[in-house]
Amino acid sequence: MDKEYIQNIPFYNGNIDNAINKLCEIVLGKKSVPKYCVFVNPHSIQVSKKDKQFFNAISRSDFILPDGYGIVLASKILNGKIKNRITGFDIFSKLCNSLAKYNQRVNFFLLGSTVDVLKQFEKRLNIEYPFINVCGSYSPPFVEQFDTSEIYNMVDMVNNGNTDVLLVGMTAPKQEKLAYSMIATNILNTKLILPIGAVFDFYSGKKKRAGKFFQEHGLEWLIRLLYEPRRMWRRNFISMPIFIFSIITEKIRRLISYS
């Protein structure tokens, strides 16, 4: 797949339909080494600069998708090819819709969030996509970092469900670190891992996603900021300006080196 480096992160810079086709091939194919897809925004990049484990978790994944208008803007400044952001919800919904065309049973495991959210998520999934079987779900304890025994416990649950797609719904960088640690056990038996964060809350109905106008005009961040100011203010008013400044600096450095 076509890649474009932004702040040492190799982003996928193709269109979403090609990405979905590739993910469908993985889900419907034979099991091998689990493939791992992450969604990275400017805040994630800034955090990863101080967190080596997080940097490894995103930079070594199989598919790094541009989640956030800031990544699109950075690509434009650097004369790249990324035209649109690709969110976890975009991939989740389009993947489910695309898999429906094949009339093949697929096993999903739900990991993260709360028991109530997982139940509502599964209930809606069963109605809209009856070919998807939720082979298991687990709401882990709320801790900053999972210990080795808990990680192996979650790996066992996923393996016992004969899982095709593992959905991990936590906050970043926690969900990416967990997914990366589960892969590192070398015994995780699934085809695709998708850390989708707030998608669990949106799809279950716990939270309402911003309307299409805000999504299509790069303003979804504003709605989330209004609903969750304590959690979102740092990424929008600190991480984003620092990220854009670093991109402009990189642009100037490139211009000087080419001159």
Protein backbone atom coordinates (compact mmCIF):
# COMPACT_ATOMS: atom_id res chain seq x y z
CA MET A 1 0.00 0.00 0.00
CA ASP A 2 1.18 3.55 -0.77
CA LYS A 3 2.85 5.27 2.16
CA GLU A 4 3.80 8.82 3.05
CA TYR A 5 6.03 9.77 5.98
CA ILE A 6 4.88 12.51 8.34
CA GLN A 7 7.00 13.03 11.46
CA ASN A 8 8.63 9.61 10.87
CA ILE A 9 5.23 7.88 10.76
CA PRO A 10 4.49 5.98 7.49
CA PHE A 11 0.87 6.92 6.76
CA TYR A 12 -1.31 5.20 4.18
CA ASN A 13 -2.04 7.84 1.53
CA GLY A 14 -4.45 6.01 -0.76
CA ASN A 15 -8.24 6.11 -0.82
CA ILE A 16 -10.46 4.41 1.72
CA ASP A 17 -12.01 1.96 -0.76
CA ASN A 18 -8.62 0.39 -1.54
CA ALA A 19 -7.91 0.14 2.17
CA ILE A 20 -11.26 -1.59 2.79
CA ASN A 21 -10.64 -4.07 -0.04
CA LYS A 22 -7.30 -5.01 1.50
CA LEU A 23 -8.81 -5.40 4.97
CA CYS A 24 -11.59 -7.62 3.56
CA GLU A 25 -8.97 -9.86 1.97
CA ILE A 26 -7.30 -10.22 5.36
CA VAL A 27 -10.52 -10.94 7.26
CA LEU A 28 -11.77 -13.49 4.73
CA GLY A 29 -8.40 -15.11 4.13
CA LYS A 30 -6.48 -17.72 6.08
CA LYS A 31 -5.04 -16.90 9.47
CA SER A 32 -1.37 -16.04 9.67
CA VAL A 33 0.35 -13.29 11.62
CA PRO A 34 -2.32 -10.83 12.91
CA LYS A 35 -2.54 -7.62 10.91
CA TYR A 36 -2.80 -4.45 12.91
CA CYS A 37 -4.44 -1.17 11.85
CA VAL A 38 -4.14 2.13 13.75
CA PHE A 39 -5.69 5.57 13.40
CA VAL A 40 -3.25 8.39 14.12
CA ASN A 41 -3.93 12.09 14.66
CA PRO A 42 -1.62 15.00 15.55
CA HIS A 43 -2.10 14.46 19.29
CA SER A 44 -1.04 10.82 18.93
CA ILE A 45 2.13 11.89 17.14
CA GLN A 46 3.01 14.40 19.85
CA VAL A 47 2.42 11.85 22.61
CA SER A 48 4.48 9.22 20.76
CA LYS A 49 7.50 11.54 20.76
CA LYS A 50 7.71 11.12 24.55
CA ASP A 51 6.43 7.56 24.75
CA LYS A 52 8.65 5.03 22.96
CA GLN A 53 6.26 2.12 23.50
CA PHE A 54 3.46 4.11 21.92
CA PHE A 55 5.68 5.15 19.01
CA ASN A 56 6.57 1.49 18.39
CA ALA A 57 2.91 0.50 18.67
CA ILE A 58 1.85 2.85 15.88
CA SER A 59 4.93 3.00 13.63
CA ARG A 60 5.24 -0.80 13.39
CA SER A 61 1.59 -1.45 12.59
CA ASP A 62 0.55 -2.75 9.17
CA PHE A 63 -1.82 0.11 8.31
CA ILE A 64 -1.47 3.63 9.68
CA LEU A 65 -4.49 5.70 8.70
CA PRO A 66 -4.72 9.53 8.87
CA ASP A 67 -7.31 10.22 11.56
CA GLY A 68 -7.63 13.96 11.92
CA TYR A 69 -7.74 16.99 9.66
CA GLY A 70 -4.34 18.00 11.05
CA ILE A 71 -2.73 15.07 9.22
CA VAL A 72 -4.44 16.10 5.96
CA LEU A 73 -3.20 19.67 6.45
CA ALA A 74 0.34 18.45 7.22
CA SER A 75 0.37 16.38 4.04
CA LYS A 76 -0.77 19.41 2.04
CA ILE A 77 1.98 21.59 3.53
CA LEU A 78 4.57 18.91 2.69
CA ASN A 79 3.19 18.39 -0.83
CA GLY A 80 1.94 14.92 0.00
CA LYS A 81 -0.99 12.90 -1.34
CA ILE A 82 -3.28 12.49 1.67
CA LYS A 83 -6.59 14.09 0.72
CA ASN A 84 -9.02 12.92 3.39
CA ARG A 85 -9.00 11.78 6.98
CA ILE A 86 -9.97 8.17 7.67
CA THR A 87 -11.52 7.60 11.07
CA GLY A 88 -12.07 4.43 13.06
CA PHE A 89 -15.81 4.77 12.50
CA ASP A 90 -15.28 5.06 8.72
CA ILE A 91 -13.29 1.84 8.61
CA PHE A 92 -15.58 -0.03 11.00
CA SER A 93 -18.79 0.80 9.13
CA LYS A 94 -17.38 0.37 5.63
CA LEU A 95 -15.67 -2.88 6.58
CA CYS A 96 -18.93 -4.32 7.94
CA ASN A 97 -20.84 -3.19 4.84
CA SER A 98 -18.21 -4.65 2.51
CA LEU A 99 -18.04 -7.98 4.35
CA ALA A 100 -21.83 -8.30 4.00
CA LYS A 101 -21.40 -8.77 0.23
CA TYR A 102 -19.53 -12.05 0.71
CA ASN A 103 -22.24 -13.83 2.71
CA GLN A 104 -19.60 -15.39 4.98
CA ARG A 105 -19.74 -15.72 8.76
CA VAL A 106 -17.16 -13.58 10.55
CA ASN A 107 -16.25 -13.66 14.24
CA PHE A 108 -15.77 -10.35 16.08
CA PHE A 109 -14.37 -10.03 19.61
CA LEU A 110 -15.17 -6.84 21.54
CA LEU A 111 -12.51 -5.68 24.00
CA GLY A 112 -12.79 -2.54 26.12
CA SER A 113 -15.35 0.01 27.33
CA THR A 114 -18.05 -1.00 29.84
CA VAL A 115 -20.25 -4.08 30.04
CA ASP A 116 -23.36 -2.03 29.21
CA VAL A 117 -21.76 -0.41 26.16
CA LEU A 118 -20.55 -3.80 24.90
CA LYS A 119 -24.06 -5.26 25.25
CA GLN A 120 -25.63 -2.38 23.32
CA PHE A 121 -22.89 -2.56 20.70
CA GLU A 122 -23.46 -6.29 20.21
CA LYS A 123 -27.22 -5.86 20.09
CA ARG A 124 -27.06 -3.32 17.27
CA LEU A 125 -24.40 -5.33 15.43
CA ASN A 126 -26.62 -8.45 15.50
CA ILE A 127 -29.50 -6.49 13.97
CA GLU A 128 -27.58 -4.65 11.25
CA TYR A 129 -25.04 -7.36 10.38
CA PRO A 130 -26.45 -10.80 11.22
CA PHE A 131 -23.52 -12.52 9.49
CA ILE A 132 -21.20 -11.10 12.16
CA ASN A 133 -20.97 -13.32 15.21
CA VAL A 134 -19.76 -11.71 18.43
CA CYS A 135 -17.66 -14.62 19.64
CA GLY A 136 -16.80 -12.92 22.92
CA SER A 137 -16.49 -9.63 24.75
CA TYR A 138 -14.57 -8.36 27.73
CA SER A 139 -14.57 -5.13 29.68
CA PRO A 140 -11.15 -5.09 31.39
CA PRO A 141 -10.40 -3.34 34.68
CA PHE A 142 -9.59 0.35 34.45
CA VAL A 143 -5.83 0.58 34.94
CA GLU A 144 -3.13 2.75 33.40
CA GLN A 145 -1.24 -0.26 32.05
CA PHE A 146 -2.08 -3.97 31.95
CA ASP A 147 0.31 -6.44 33.55
CA THR A 148 1.60 -9.51 31.73
CA SER A 149 -0.87 -11.96 33.27
CA GLU A 150 -3.85 -9.80 32.28
CA ILE A 151 -2.53 -9.46 28.72
CA TYR A 152 -2.19 -13.24 28.38
CA ASN A 153 -5.66 -13.66 29.87
CA MET A 154 -7.13 -11.43 27.16
CA VAL A 155 -5.15 -13.24 24.47
CA ASP A 156 -6.62 -16.55 25.67
CA MET A 157 -10.16 -15.17 25.49
CA VAL A 158 -9.63 -13.92 21.94
CA ASN A 159 -8.08 -17.22 20.86
CA ASN A 160 -10.85 -19.29 22.44
CA GLY A 161 -13.42 -17.38 20.39
CA ASN A 162 -11.75 -18.28 17.09
CA THR A 163 -11.71 -14.54 16.44
CA ASP A 164 -11.36 -13.04 12.97
CA VAL A 165 -11.55 -9.36 13.94
CA LEU A 166 -10.53 -7.99 17.33
CA LEU A 167 -12.06 -4.59 18.10
CA VAL A 168 -10.30 -2.70 20.89
CA GLY A 169 -12.24 0.25 22.30
CA MET A 170 -10.22 2.32 24.77
CA THR A 171 -8.47 5.67 24.69
CA ALA A 172 -5.14 6.27 22.99
CA PRO A 173 -2.37 5.38 23.71
CA LYS A 174 -3.74 2.67 25.98
CA GLN A 175 -5.54 0.71 23.26
CA GLU A 176 -2.60 0.77 20.82
CA LYS A 177 -0.15 -0.32 23.51
CA LEU A 178 -2.45 -3.17 24.52
CA ALA A 179 -2.89 -4.37 20.94
CA TYR A 180 0.86 -4.21 20.37
CA SER A 181 1.53 -6.13 23.61
CA MET A 182 -0.99 -8.82 22.66
CA ILE A 183 0.71 -9.29 19.29
CA ALA A 184 4.10 -9.44 21.05
CA THR A 185 3.02 -12.58 22.93
CA ASN A 186 3.34 -14.40 19.57
CA ILE A 187 0.32 -16.57 20.38
CA LEU A 188 -2.51 -14.19 19.49
CA ASN A 189 -4.66 -16.02 16.94
CA THR A 190 -6.75 -13.52 14.97
CA LYS A 191 -6.64 -11.95 11.53
CA LEU A 192 -7.17 -8.25 12.10
CA ILE A 193 -6.91 -5.90 15.06
CA LEU A 194 -8.71 -2.55 15.02
CA PRO A 195 -8.22 -0.14 17.94
CA ILE A 196 -11.33 1.99 17.33
CA GLY A 197 -11.61 4.03 20.54
CA ALA A 198 -14.80 6.06 20.78
CA VAL A 199 -16.52 3.97 18.07
CA PHE A 200 -17.77 1.69 20.85
CA ASP A 201 -19.57 4.64 22.43
CA PHE A 202 -20.87 6.05 19.13
CA TYR A 203 -22.17 2.79 17.70
CA SER A 204 -23.73 1.65 20.98
CA GLY A 205 -25.59 4.95 21.27
CA LYS A 206 -23.88 6.08 24.47
CA LYS A 207 -22.52 9.15 22.69
CA LYS A 208 -23.76 11.00 19.62
CA ARG A 209 -21.34 11.61 16.77
CA ALA A 210 -21.12 15.01 15.08
CA GLY A 211 -23.27 15.49 11.98
CA LYS A 212 -22.03 14.95 8.43
CA PHE A 213 -21.42 18.66 7.85
CA PHE A 214 -18.90 18.77 10.69
CA GLN A 215 -17.34 15.45 9.62
CA GLU A 216 -16.93 16.50 5.99
CA HIS A 217 -15.52 19.95 6.80
CA GLY A 218 -12.93 18.82 9.33
CA LEU A 219 -14.87 20.22 12.29
CA GLU A 220 -15.75 17.08 14.19
CA TRP A 221 -13.07 17.99 16.72
CA LEU A 222 -15.09 21.09 17.64
CA ILE A 223 -18.19 19.10 18.57
CA ARG A 224 -16.17 16.62 20.61
CA LEU A 225 -14.45 19.53 22.35
CA LEU A 226 -17.83 21.00 23.32
CA TYR A 227 -19.02 17.65 24.71
CA GLU A 228 -15.73 16.62 26.36
CA PRO A 229 -13.71 19.79 27.06
CA ARG A 230 -11.63 18.31 29.88
CA ARG A 231 -10.43 15.43 27.73
CA MET A 232 -10.16 17.19 24.36
CA TRP A 233 -8.74 20.62 25.12
CA ARG A 234 -5.12 19.49 25.35
CA ARG A 235 -5.06 17.80 21.96
CA ASN A 236 -6.67 20.78 20.23
CA PHE A 237 -5.01 23.74 21.95
CA ILE A 238 -1.58 22.29 22.77
CA SER A 239 -0.78 19.24 20.64
CA MET A 240 -2.25 20.61 17.40
CA PRO A 241 -0.37 23.97 17.35
CA ILE A 242 2.91 22.25 18.29
CA PHE A 243 2.38 19.66 15.58
CA ILE A 244 1.65 22.24 12.87
CA PHE A 245 4.68 24.30 13.95
CA SER A 246 6.87 21.19 13.60
CA ILE A 247 5.42 20.53 10.12
CA ILE A 248 6.15 24.10 9.00
CA THR A 249 9.67 23.76 10.39
CA GLU A 250 10.11 20.52 8.45
CA LYS A 251 8.84 22.24 5.29
CA ILE A 252 11.40 25.04 5.68
CA ARG A 253 14.16 22.50 6.31
CA ARG A 254 13.24 20.65 3.12
CA LEU A 255 13.20 23.87 1.08
CA ILE A 256 16.65 24.82 2.38
CA SER A 257 18.10 21.37 1.63
CA TYR A 258 16.69 21.42 -1.92
CA SER A 259 17.92 24.93 -2.69
